[in-house]
Amino acid sequence: METTKPDLTVVVVSYSGGRFLDACLSSLLAERQRRPLTVIVVDNDSPDGVADMVSSRHPWVTLVRNRSNLGFASAANIGLRMIDTSFSLLLNPDKDVPPGSRG
């Protein structure tokens, strides 16, 4: 079976809001079954255990655990520096990807 290298990386910056992030990542997993993509979550030291939820429920996600809340822009830049694909998408954790989305 041939594996196609992803051409899209989705970066999600997280600070709390686990139920939103869980739904977001679940929708990305469904999309990932349609097309190869990489997902990076950069967590800004969420006090509600979001990083642990990502680690246990979504092991296919690359997780960055910041030791403090660096703010959105700094966390986004950390994730964007990690990509090795042609395209990137910065997605808020309270959004999901509808089935059949084009990208």
PDB file of N, CA and C in Angstrom:
ATOM      1  N   MET A   1       0.842  -1.181   0.000  1.00  0.00           N
ATOM      2  CA  MET A   1       0.000   0.000   0.000  1.00  0.00           C
ATOM      3  C   MET A   1       0.883   1.240   0.000  1.00  0.00           C
ATOM      4  N   GLU A   2       0.664   2.129  -0.951  1.00  0.00           N
ATOM      5  CA  GLU A   2       1.454   3.339  -1.074  1.00  0.00           C
ATOM      6  C   GLU A   2       0.903   4.420  -0.144  1.00  0.00           C
ATOM      7  N   THR A   3       1.795   5.076   0.570  1.00  0.00           N
ATOM      8  CA  THR A   3       1.403   6.161   1.457  1.00  0.00           C
ATOM      9  C   THR A   3       1.766   7.477   0.809  1.00  0.00           C
ATOM     10  N   THR A   4       0.796   8.375   0.713  1.00  0.00           N
ATOM     11  CA  THR A   4       1.026   9.678   0.130  1.00  0.00           C
ATOM     12  C   THR A   4       1.452  10.647   1.220  1.00  0.00           C
ATOM     13  N   LYS A   5       2.507  11.406   0.950  1.00  0.00           N
ATOM     14  CA  LYS A   5       2.985  12.390   1.903  1.00  0.00           C
ATOM     15  C   LYS A   5       1.975  13.534   1.982  1.00  0.00           C
ATOM     16  N   PRO A   6       1.629  13.963   3.191  1.00  0.00           N
ATOM     17  CA  PRO A   6       0.692  15.077   3.330  1.00  0.00           C
ATOM     18  C   PRO A   6       1.243  16.353   2.698  1.00  0.00           C
ATOM     19  N   ASP A   7       0.348  17.151   2.112  1.00  0.00           N
ATOM     20  CA  ASP A   7       0.757  18.456   1.605  1.00  0.00           C
ATOM     21  C   ASP A   7       0.149  19.582   2.441  1.00  0.00           C
ATOM     22  N   LEU A   8      -0.597  19.218   3.495  1.00  0.00           N
ATOM     23  CA  LEU A   8      -1.251  20.202   4.356  1.00  0.00           C
ATOM     24  C   LEU A   8      -0.978  19.886   5.817  1.00  0.00           C
ATOM     25  N   THR A   9      -0.607  20.923   6.563  1.00  0.00           N
ATOM     26  CA  THR A   9      -0.490  20.822   8.012  1.00  0.00           C
ATOM     27  C   THR A   9      -1.474  21.796   8.635  1.00  0.00           C
ATOM     28  N   VAL A  10      -2.267  21.301   9.570  1.00  0.00           N
ATOM     29  CA  VAL A  10      -3.207  22.125  10.312  1.00  0.00           C
ATOM     30  C   VAL A  10      -2.598  22.391  11.688  1.00  0.00           C
ATOM     31  N   VAL A  11      -2.478  23.665  12.050  1.00  0.00           N
ATOM     32  CA  VAL A  11      -1.945  24.066  13.348  1.00  0.00           C
ATOM     33  C   VAL A  11      -3.092  24.636  14.170  1.00  0.00           C
ATOM     34  N   VAL A  12      -3.262  24.099  15.373  1.00  0.00           N
ATOM     35  CA  VAL A  12      -4.312  24.554  16.285  1.00  0.00           C
ATOM     36  C   VAL A  12      -3.638  25.004  17.575  1.00  0.00           C
ATOM     37  N   VAL A  13      -3.905  26.254  17.976  1.00  0.00           N
ATOM     38  CA  VAL A  13      -3.405  26.774  19.250  1.00  0.00           C
ATOM     39  C   VAL A  13      -4.498  26.575  20.285  1.00  0.00           C
ATOM     40  N   SER A  14      -4.101  26.029  21.429  1.00  0.00           N
ATOM     41  CA  SER A  14      -5.081  25.666  22.445  1.00  0.00           C
ATOM     42  C   SER A  14      -4.782  26.330  23.777  1.00  0.00           C
ATOM     43  N   TYR A  15      -5.835  26.808  24.403  1.00  0.00           N
ATOM     44  CA  TYR A  15      -5.786  27.206  25.810  1.00  0.00           C
ATOM     45  C   TYR A  15      -7.158  26.884  26.396  1.00  0.00           C
ATOM     46  N   SER A  16      -7.228  25.811  27.146  1.00  0.00           N
ATOM     47  CA  SER A  16      -8.486  25.302  27.718  1.00  0.00           C
ATOM     48  C   SER A  16      -9.469  24.962  26.598  1.00  0.00           C
ATOM     49  N   GLY A  17     -10.749  24.898  26.906  1.00  0.00           N
ATOM     50  CA  GLY A  17     -11.739  24.607  25.869  1.00  0.00           C
ATOM     51  C   GLY A  17     -11.671  23.210  25.304  1.00  0.00           C
ATOM     52  N   GLY A  18     -11.420  22.223  26.148  1.00  0.00           N
ATOM     53  CA  GLY A  18     -11.214  20.856  25.694  1.00  0.00           C
ATOM     54  C   GLY A  18     -12.337  20.273  24.872  1.00  0.00           C
ATOM     55  N   ARG A  19     -13.597  20.569  25.226  1.00  0.00           N
ATOM     56  CA  ARG A  19     -14.697  19.960  24.462  1.00  0.00           C
ATOM     57  C   ARG A  19     -14.716  20.489  23.033  1.00  0.00           C
ATOM     58  N   PHE A  20     -14.341  21.751  22.856  1.00  0.00           N
ATOM     59  CA  PHE A  20     -14.269  22.301  21.498  1.00  0.00           C
ATOM     60  C   PHE A  20     -13.119  21.671  20.726  1.00  0.00           C
ATOM     61  N   LEU A  21     -11.972  21.576  21.365  1.00  0.00           N
ATOM     62  CA  LEU A  21     -10.799  21.016  20.701  1.00  0.00           C
ATOM     63  C   LEU A  21     -11.009  19.551  20.351  1.00  0.00           C
ATOM     64  N   ASP A  22     -11.658  18.802  21.211  1.00  0.00           N
ATOM     65  CA  ASP A  22     -11.930  17.391  20.930  1.00  0.00           C
ATOM     66  C   ASP A  22     -12.777  17.254  19.669  1.00  0.00           C
ATOM     67  N   ALA A  23     -13.819  18.061  19.543  1.00  0.00           N
ATOM     68  CA  ALA A  23     -14.670  18.025  18.343  1.00  0.00           C
ATOM     69  C   ALA A  23     -13.884  18.463  17.107  1.00  0.00           C
ATOM     70  N   CYS A  24     -13.064  19.476  17.250  1.00  0.00           N
ATOM     71  CA  CYS A  24     -12.232  19.959  16.144  1.00  0.00           C
ATOM     72  C   CYS A  24     -11.317  18.841  15.644  1.00  0.00           C
ATOM     73  N   LEU A  25     -10.624  18.195  16.569  1.00  0.00           N
ATOM     74  CA  LEU A  25      -9.695  17.128  16.178  1.00  0.00           C
ATOM     75  C   LEU A  25     -10.424  15.916  15.617  1.00  0.00           C
ATOM     76  N   SER A  26     -11.599  15.617  16.137  1.00  0.00           N
ATOM     77  CA  SER A  26     -12.389  14.513  15.582  1.00  0.00           C
ATOM     78  C   SER A  26     -12.771  14.789  14.136  1.00  0.00           C
ATOM     79  N   SER A  27     -13.129  16.038  13.836  1.00  0.00           N
ATOM     80  CA  SER A  27     -13.479  16.387  12.453  1.00  0.00           C
ATOM     81  C   SER A  27     -12.246  16.320  11.552  1.00  0.00           C
ATOM     82  N   LEU A  28     -11.096  16.693  12.086  1.00  0.00           N
ATOM     83  CA  LEU A  28      -9.863  16.596  11.301  1.00  0.00           C
ATOM     84  C   LEU A  28      -9.470  15.140  11.060  1.00  0.00           C
ATOM     85  N   LEU A  29      -9.737  14.274  12.020  1.00  0.00           N
ATOM     86  CA  LEU A  29      -9.465  12.851  11.828  1.00  0.00           C
ATOM     87  C   LEU A  29     -10.316  12.300  10.685  1.00  0.00           C
ATOM     88  N   ALA A  30     -11.577  12.692  10.642  1.00  0.00           N
ATOM     89  CA  ALA A  30     -12.447  12.251   9.544  1.00  0.00           C
ATOM     90  C   ALA A  30     -11.918  12.761   8.205  1.00  0.00           C
ATOM     91  N   GLU A  31     -11.479  14.007   8.177  1.00  0.00           N
ATOM     92  CA  GLU A  31     -10.916  14.560   6.941  1.00  0.00           C
ATOM     93  C   GLU A  31      -9.612  13.851   6.583  1.00  0.00           C
ATOM     94  N   ARG A  32      -8.845  13.485   7.581  1.00  0.00           N
ATOM     95  CA  ARG A  32      -7.567  12.800   7.377  1.00  0.00           C
ATOM     96  C   ARG A  32      -7.766  11.441   6.709  1.00  0.00           C
ATOM     97  N   GLN A  33      -8.926  10.854   6.873  1.00  0.00           N
ATOM     98  CA  GLN A  33      -9.218   9.590   6.216  1.00  0.00           C
ATOM     99  C   GLN A  33      -9.508   9.787   4.729  1.00  0.00           C
ATOM    100  N   ARG A  34      -9.838  11.026   4.346  1.00  0.00           N
ATOM    101  CA  ARG A  34     -10.087  11.352   2.939  1.00  0.00           C
ATOM    102  C   ARG A  34      -8.816  11.781   2.211  1.00  0.00           C
ATOM    103  N   ARG A  35      -7.954  12.495   2.924  1.00  0.00           N
ATOM    104  CA  ARG A  35      -6.724  13.016   2.332  1.00  0.00           C
ATOM    105  C   ARG A  35      -5.649  13.077   3.403  1.00  0.00           C
ATOM    106  N   PRO A  36      -4.401  12.857   3.034  1.00  0.00           N
ATOM    107  CA  PRO A  36      -3.349  12.921   4.039  1.00  0.00           C
ATOM    108  C   PRO A  36      -3.141  14.354   4.531  1.00  0.00           C
ATOM    109  N   LEU A  37      -3.077  14.510   5.823  1.00  0.00           N
ATOM    110  CA  LEU A  37      -2.762  15.798   6.409  1.00  0.00           C
ATOM    111  C   LEU A  37      -2.111  15.577   7.761  1.00  0.00           C
ATOM    112  N   THR A  38      -1.390  16.574   8.206  1.00  0.00           N
ATOM    113  CA  THR A  38      -0.713  16.550   9.492  1.00  0.00           C
ATOM    114  C   THR A  38      -1.383  17.564  10.398  1.00  0.00           C
ATOM    115  N   VAL A  39      -1.500  17.245  11.675  1.00  0.00           N
ATOM    116  CA  VAL A  39      -2.107  18.168  12.636  1.00  0.00           C
ATOM    117  C   VAL A  39      -1.133  18.387  13.790  1.00  0.00           C
ATOM    118  N   ILE A  40      -0.933  19.659  14.121  1.00  0.00           N
ATOM    119  CA  ILE A  40      -0.100  20.054  15.253  1.00  0.00           C
ATOM    120  C   ILE A  40      -0.960  20.873  16.200  1.00  0.00           C
ATOM    121  N   VAL A  41      -1.012  20.466  17.466  1.00  0.00           N
ATOM    122  CA  VAL A  41      -1.683  21.252  18.502  1.00  0.00           C
ATOM    123  C   VAL A  41      -0.605  21.836  19.397  1.00  0.00           C
ATOM    124  N   VAL A  42      -0.640  23.152  19.567  1.00  0.00           N
ATOM    125  CA  VAL A  42       0.274  23.835  20.471  1.00  0.00           C
ATOM    126  C   VAL A  42      -0.558  24.294  21.663  1.00  0.00           C
ATOM    127  N   ASP A  43      -0.332  23.656  22.807  1.00  0.00           N
ATOM    128  CA  ASP A  43      -1.114  23.978  24.008  1.00  0.00           C
ATOM    129  C   ASP A  43      -0.348  24.965  24.878  1.00  0.00           C
ATOM    130  N   ASN A  44      -1.020  26.041  25.257  1.00  0.00           N
ATOM    131  CA  ASN A  44      -0.443  27.110  26.069  1.00  0.00           C
ATOM    132  C   ASN A  44      -0.641  26.860  27.562  1.00  0.00           C
ATOM    133  N   ASP A  45      -0.199  25.706  28.036  1.00  0.00           N
ATOM    134  CA  ASP A  45      -0.256  25.359  29.457  1.00  0.00           C
ATOM    135  C   ASP A  45      -1.677  25.464  30.011  1.00  0.00           C
ATOM    136  N   SER A  46      -2.619  24.842  29.300  1.00  0.00           N
ATOM    137  CA  SER A  46      -4.027  24.859  29.728  1.00  0.00           C
ATOM    138  C   SER A  46      -4.178  24.245  31.114  1.00  0.00           C
ATOM    139  N   PRO A  47      -4.903  24.919  32.000  1.00  0.00           N
ATOM    140  CA  PRO A  47      -5.082  24.385  33.349  1.00  0.00           C
ATOM    141  C   PRO A  47      -6.125  23.272  33.442  1.00  0.00           C
ATOM    142  N   ASP A  48      -6.867  23.025  32.366  1.00  0.00           N
ATOM    143  CA  ASP A  48      -7.965  22.047  32.423  1.00  0.00           C
ATOM    144  C   ASP A  48      -7.615  20.675  31.855  1.00  0.00           C
ATOM    145  N   GLY A  49      -6.346  20.397  31.610  1.00  0.00           N
ATOM    146  CA  GLY A  49      -5.951  19.071  31.145  1.00  0.00           C
ATOM    147  C   GLY A  49      -6.150  18.818  29.667  1.00  0.00           C
ATOM    148  N   VAL A  50      -6.279  19.858  28.880  1.00  0.00           N
ATOM    149  CA  VAL A  50      -6.499  19.688  27.444  1.00  0.00           C
ATOM    150  C   VAL A  50      -5.367  18.902  26.796  1.00  0.00           C
ATOM    151  N   ALA A  51      -4.137  19.195  27.162  1.00  0.00           N
ATOM    152  CA  ALA A  51      -3.003  18.495  26.549  1.00  0.00           C
ATOM    153  C   ALA A  51      -3.072  16.995  26.819  1.00  0.00           C
ATOM    154  N   ASP A  52      -3.468  16.616  28.030  1.00  0.00           N
ATOM    155  CA  ASP A  52      -3.606  15.193  28.339  1.00  0.00           C
ATOM    156  C   ASP A  52      -4.717  14.555  27.515  1.00  0.00           C
ATOM    157  N   MET A  53      -5.811  15.292  27.292  1.00  0.00           N
ATOM    158  CA  MET A  53      -6.905  14.789  26.459  1.00  0.00           C
ATOM    159  C   MET A  53      -6.415  14.560  25.032  1.00  0.00           C
ATOM    160  N   VAL A  54      -5.677  15.515  24.499  1.00  0.00           N
ATOM    161  CA  VAL A  54      -5.155  15.368  23.136  1.00  0.00           C
ATOM    162  C   VAL A  54      -4.244  14.145  23.062  1.00  0.00           C
ATOM    163  N   SER A  55      -3.361  14.024  24.024  1.00  0.00           N
ATOM    164  CA  SER A  55      -2.420  12.913  24.044  1.00  0.00           C
ATOM    165  C   SER A  55      -3.118  11.550  24.105  1.00  0.00           C
ATOM    166  N   SER A  56      -4.168  11.458  24.908  1.00  0.00           N
ATOM    167  CA  SER A  56      -4.832  10.157  25.069  1.00  0.00           C
ATOM    168  C   SER A  56      -5.874   9.874  23.987  1.00  0.00           C
ATOM    169  N   ARG A  57      -6.643  10.859  23.582  1.00  0.00           N
ATOM    170  CA  ARG A  57      -7.732  10.637  22.619  1.00  0.00           C
ATOM    171  C   ARG A  57      -7.314  10.799  21.162  1.00  0.00           C
ATOM    172  N   HIS A  58      -6.234  11.529  20.937  1.00  0.00           N
ATOM    173  CA  HIS A  58      -5.801  11.830  19.563  1.00  0.00           C
ATOM    174  C   HIS A  58      -4.290  11.616  19.426  1.00  0.00           C
ATOM    175  N   PRO A  59      -3.829  10.378  19.586  1.00  0.00           N
ATOM    176  CA  PRO A  59      -2.390  10.123  19.547  1.00  0.00           C
ATOM    177  C   PRO A  59      -1.750  10.381  18.174  1.00  0.00           C
ATOM    178  N   TRP A  60      -2.536  10.529  17.146  1.00  0.00           N
ATOM    179  CA  TRP A  60      -2.053  10.810  15.801  1.00  0.00           C
ATOM    180  C   TRP A  60      -1.655  12.280  15.626  1.00  0.00           C
ATOM    181  N   VAL A  61      -1.990  13.117  16.603  1.00  0.00           N
ATOM    182  CA  VAL A  61      -1.697  14.547  16.563  1.00  0.00           C
ATOM    183  C   VAL A  61      -0.314  14.801  17.159  1.00  0.00           C
ATOM    184  N   THR A  62       0.446  15.691  16.543  1.00  0.00           N
ATOM    185  CA  THR A  62       1.697  16.152  17.141  1.00  0.00           C
ATOM    186  C   THR A  62       1.337  17.208  18.171  1.00  0.00           C
ATOM    187  N   LEU A  63       1.731  16.983  19.410  1.00  0.00           N
ATOM    188  CA  LEU A  63       1.361  17.862  20.522  1.00  0.00           C
ATOM    189  C   LEU A  63       2.592  18.576  21.053  1.00  0.00           C
ATOM    190  N   VAL A  64       2.477  19.904  21.170  1.00  0.00           N
ATOM    191  CA  VAL A  64       3.508  20.722  21.787  1.00  0.00           C
ATOM    192  C   VAL A  64       2.920  21.266  23.081  1.00  0.00           C
ATOM    193  N   ARG A  65       3.591  21.004  24.186  1.00  0.00           N
ATOM    194  CA  ARG A  65       3.136  21.479  25.497  1.00  0.00           C
ATOM    195  C   ARG A  65       4.016  22.642  25.944  1.00  0.00           C
ATOM    196  N   ASN A  66       3.496  23.850  25.819  1.00  0.00           N
ATOM    197  CA  ASN A  66       4.232  25.002  26.321  1.00  0.00           C
ATOM    198  C   ASN A  66       4.180  25.010  27.840  1.00  0.00           C
ATOM    199  N   ARG A  67       5.218  25.515  28.474  1.00  0.00           N
ATOM    200  CA  ARG A  67       5.292  25.555  29.935  1.00  0.00           C
ATOM    201  C   ARG A  67       4.569  26.756  30.529  1.00  0.00           C
ATOM    202  N   SER A  68       4.120  27.657  29.655  1.00  0.00           N
ATOM    203  CA  SER A  68       3.351  28.823  30.103  1.00  0.00           C
ATOM    204  C   SER A  68       2.471  29.275  28.944  1.00  0.00           C
ATOM    205  N   ASN A  69       1.574  30.200  29.235  1.00  0.00           N
ATOM    206  CA  ASN A  69       0.712  30.747  28.190  1.00  0.00           C
ATOM    207  C   ASN A  69       1.486  31.818  27.443  1.00  0.00           C
ATOM    208  N   LEU A  70       1.971  31.467  26.269  1.00  0.00           N
ATOM    209  CA  LEU A  70       2.776  32.385  25.470  1.00  0.00           C
ATOM    210  C   LEU A  70       1.944  33.336  24.635  1.00  0.00           C
ATOM    211  N   GLY A  71       0.636  33.129  24.630  1.00  0.00           N
ATOM    212  CA  GLY A  71      -0.230  33.926  23.768  1.00  0.00           C
ATOM    213  C   GLY A  71      -0.414  33.255  22.424  1.00  0.00           C
ATOM    214  N   PHE A  72      -1.430  33.717  21.716  1.00  0.00           N
ATOM    215  CA  PHE A  72      -1.798  33.071  20.454  1.00  0.00           C
ATOM    216  C   PHE A  72      -0.694  33.166  19.408  1.00  0.00           C
ATOM    217  N   ALA A  73      -0.193  34.358  19.163  1.00  0.00           N
ATOM    218  CA  ALA A  73       0.763  34.544  18.062  1.00  0.00           C
ATOM    219  C   ALA A  73       2.046  33.741  18.276  1.00  0.00           C
ATOM    220  N   SER A  74       2.594  33.788  19.473  1.00  0.00           N
ATOM    221  CA  SER A  74       3.835  33.036  19.737  1.00  0.00           C
ATOM    222  C   SER A  74       3.606  31.540  19.601  1.00  0.00           C
ATOM    223  N   ALA A  75       2.486  31.051  20.113  1.00  0.00           N
ATOM    224  CA  ALA A  75       2.183  29.622  20.014  1.00  0.00           C
ATOM    225  C   ALA A  75       1.956  29.227  18.548  1.00  0.00           C
ATOM    226  N   ALA A  76       1.254  30.073  17.806  1.00  0.00           N
ATOM    227  CA  ALA A  76       1.031  29.786  16.392  1.00  0.00           C
ATOM    228  C   ALA A  76       2.363  29.707  15.646  1.00  0.00           C
ATOM    229  N   ASN A  77       3.272  30.611  15.940  1.00  0.00           N
ATOM    230  CA  ASN A  77       4.579  30.594  15.280  1.00  0.00           C
ATOM    231  C   ASN A  77       5.369  29.342  15.612  1.00  0.00           C
ATOM    232  N   ILE A  78       5.243  28.839  16.840  1.00  0.00           N
ATOM    233  CA  ILE A  78       5.908  27.582  17.200  1.00  0.00           C
ATOM    234  C   ILE A  78       5.410  26.460  16.295  1.00  0.00           C
ATOM    235  N   GLY A  79       4.091  26.361  16.145  1.00  0.00           N
ATOM    236  CA  GLY A  79       3.521  25.326  15.279  1.00  0.00           C
ATOM    237  C   GLY A  79       3.885  25.514  13.819  1.00  0.00           C
ATOM    238  N   LEU A  80       3.823  26.741  13.338  1.00  0.00           N
ATOM    239  CA  LEU A  80       4.116  26.997  11.928  1.00  0.00           C
ATOM    240  C   LEU A  80       5.573  26.715  11.588  1.00  0.00           C
ATOM    241  N   ARG A  81       6.482  26.901  12.544  1.00  0.00           N
ATOM    242  CA  ARG A  81       7.890  26.592  12.301  1.00  0.00           C
ATOM    243  C   ARG A  81       8.141  25.090  12.166  1.00  0.00           C
ATOM    244  N   MET A  82       7.211  24.284  12.637  1.00  0.00           N
ATOM    245  CA  MET A  82       7.377  22.824  12.612  1.00  0.00           C
ATOM    246  C   MET A  82       6.915  22.179  11.313  1.00  0.00           C
ATOM    247  N   ILE A  83       6.196  22.901  10.484  1.00  0.00           N
ATOM    248  CA  ILE A  83       5.603  22.261   9.304  1.00  0.00           C
ATOM    249  C   ILE A  83       6.660  21.912   8.268  1.00  0.00           C
ATOM    250  N   ASP A  84       6.391  20.838   7.548  1.00  0.00           N
ATOM    251  CA  ASP A  84       7.248  20.441   6.433  1.00  0.00           C
ATOM    252  C   ASP A  84       6.393  20.107   5.209  1.00  0.00           C
ATOM    253  N   THR A  85       5.235  20.749   5.132  1.00  0.00           N
ATOM    254  CA  THR A  85       4.323  20.539   4.009  1.00  0.00           C
ATOM    255  C   THR A  85       4.252  21.818   3.172  1.00  0.00           C
ATOM    256  N   SER A  86       3.667  21.700   2.000  1.00  0.00           N
ATOM    257  CA  SER A  86       3.549  22.855   1.102  1.00  0.00           C
ATOM    258  C   SER A  86       2.542  23.888   1.597  1.00  0.00           C
ATOM    259  N   PHE A  87       1.523  23.428   2.311  1.00  0.00           N
ATOM    260  CA  PHE A  87       0.457  24.320   2.745  1.00  0.00           C
ATOM    261  C   PHE A  87       0.223  24.176   4.241  1.00  0.00           C
ATOM    262  N   SER A  88      -0.254  25.263   4.844  1.00  0.00           N
ATOM    263  CA  SER A  88      -0.600  25.228   6.268  1.00  0.00           C
ATOM    264  C   SER A  88      -1.926  25.942   6.478  1.00  0.00           C
ATOM    265  N   LEU A  89      -2.604  25.536   7.524  1.00  0.00           N
ATOM    266  CA  LEU A  89      -3.874  26.142   7.914  1.00  0.00           C
ATOM    267  C   LEU A  89      -3.827  26.366   9.412  1.00  0.00           C
ATOM    268  N   LEU A  90      -4.070  27.581   9.823  1.00  0.00           N
ATOM    269  CA  LEU A  90      -4.170  27.908  11.238  1.00  0.00           C
ATOM    270  C   LEU A  90      -5.654  27.874  11.575  1.00  0.00           C
ATOM    271  N   LEU A  91      -6.039  26.923  12.433  1.00  0.00           N
ATOM    272  CA  LEU A  91      -7.453  26.676  12.715  1.00  0.00           C
ATOM    273  C   LEU A  91      -7.735  26.896  14.195  1.00  0.00           C
ATOM    274  N   ASN A  92      -8.771  27.648  14.497  1.00  0.00           N
ATOM    275  CA  ASN A  92      -9.169  27.845  15.890  1.00  0.00           C
ATOM    276  C   ASN A  92      -9.757  26.551  16.449  1.00  0.00           C
ATOM    277  N   PRO A  93      -9.537  26.277  17.736  1.00  0.00           N
ATOM    278  CA  PRO A  93     -10.003  25.011  18.314  1.00  0.00           C
ATOM    279  C   PRO A  93     -11.512  24.907  18.435  1.00  0.00           C
ATOM    280  N   ASP A  94     -12.242  26.010  18.292  1.00  0.00           N
ATOM    281  CA  ASP A  94     -13.700  25.942  18.393  1.00  0.00           C
ATOM    282  C   ASP A  94     -14.360  25.772  17.023  1.00  0.00           C
ATOM    283  N   LYS A  95     -13.569  25.434  16.028  1.00  0.00           N
ATOM    284  CA  LYS A  95     -14.088  25.200  14.679  1.00  0.00           C
ATOM    285  C   LYS A  95     -13.893  23.734  14.314  1.00  0.00           C
ATOM    286  N   ASP A  96     -14.776  23.235  13.488  1.00  0.00           N
ATOM    287  CA  ASP A  96     -14.580  21.888  12.967  1.00  0.00           C
ATOM    288  C   ASP A  96     -14.610  21.946  11.461  1.00  0.00           C
ATOM    289  N   VAL A  97     -14.173  20.868  10.850  1.00  0.00           N
ATOM    290  CA  VAL A  97     -14.080  20.779   9.406  1.00  0.00           C
ATOM    291  C   VAL A  97     -15.242  19.923   8.920  1.00  0.00           C
ATOM    292  N   PRO A  98     -16.189  20.534   8.191  1.00  0.00           N
ATOM    293  CA  PRO A  98     -17.322  19.749   7.694  1.00  0.00           C
ATOM    294  C   PRO A  98     -16.865  18.675   6.718  1.00  0.00           C
ATOM    295  N   PRO A  99     -17.556  17.543   6.688  1.00  0.00           N
ATOM    296  CA  PRO A  99     -17.200  16.466   5.753  1.00  0.00           C
ATOM    297  C   PRO A  99     -17.164  16.977   4.317  1.00  0.00           C
ATOM    298  N   GLY A 100     -16.150  16.577   3.590  1.00  0.00           N
ATOM    299  CA  GLY A 100     -16.039  16.959   2.192  1.00  0.00           C
ATOM    300  C   GLY A 100     -15.485  18.349   1.959  1.00  0.00           C
ATOM    301  N   SER A 101     -14.909  18.962   2.980  1.00  0.00           N
ATOM    302  CA  SER A 101     -14.337  20.292   2.820  1.00  0.00           C
ATOM    303  C   SER A 101     -13.228  20.258   1.789  1.00  0.00           C
ATOM    304  N   ARG A 102     -13.107  21.319   1.070  1.00  0.00           N
ATOM    305  CA  ARG A 102     -12.032  21.414   0.066  1.00  0.00           C
ATOM    306  C   ARG A 102     -10.884  22.192   0.668  1.00  0.00           C
ATOM    307  N   GLY A 103      -9.693  21.806   0.272  1.00  0.00           N
ATOM    308  CA  GLY A 103      -8.530  22.524   0.782  1.00  0.00           C
ATOM    309  C   GLY A 103      -7.385  22.453  -0.159  1.00  0.00           C
TER     310      GLY A 103
END
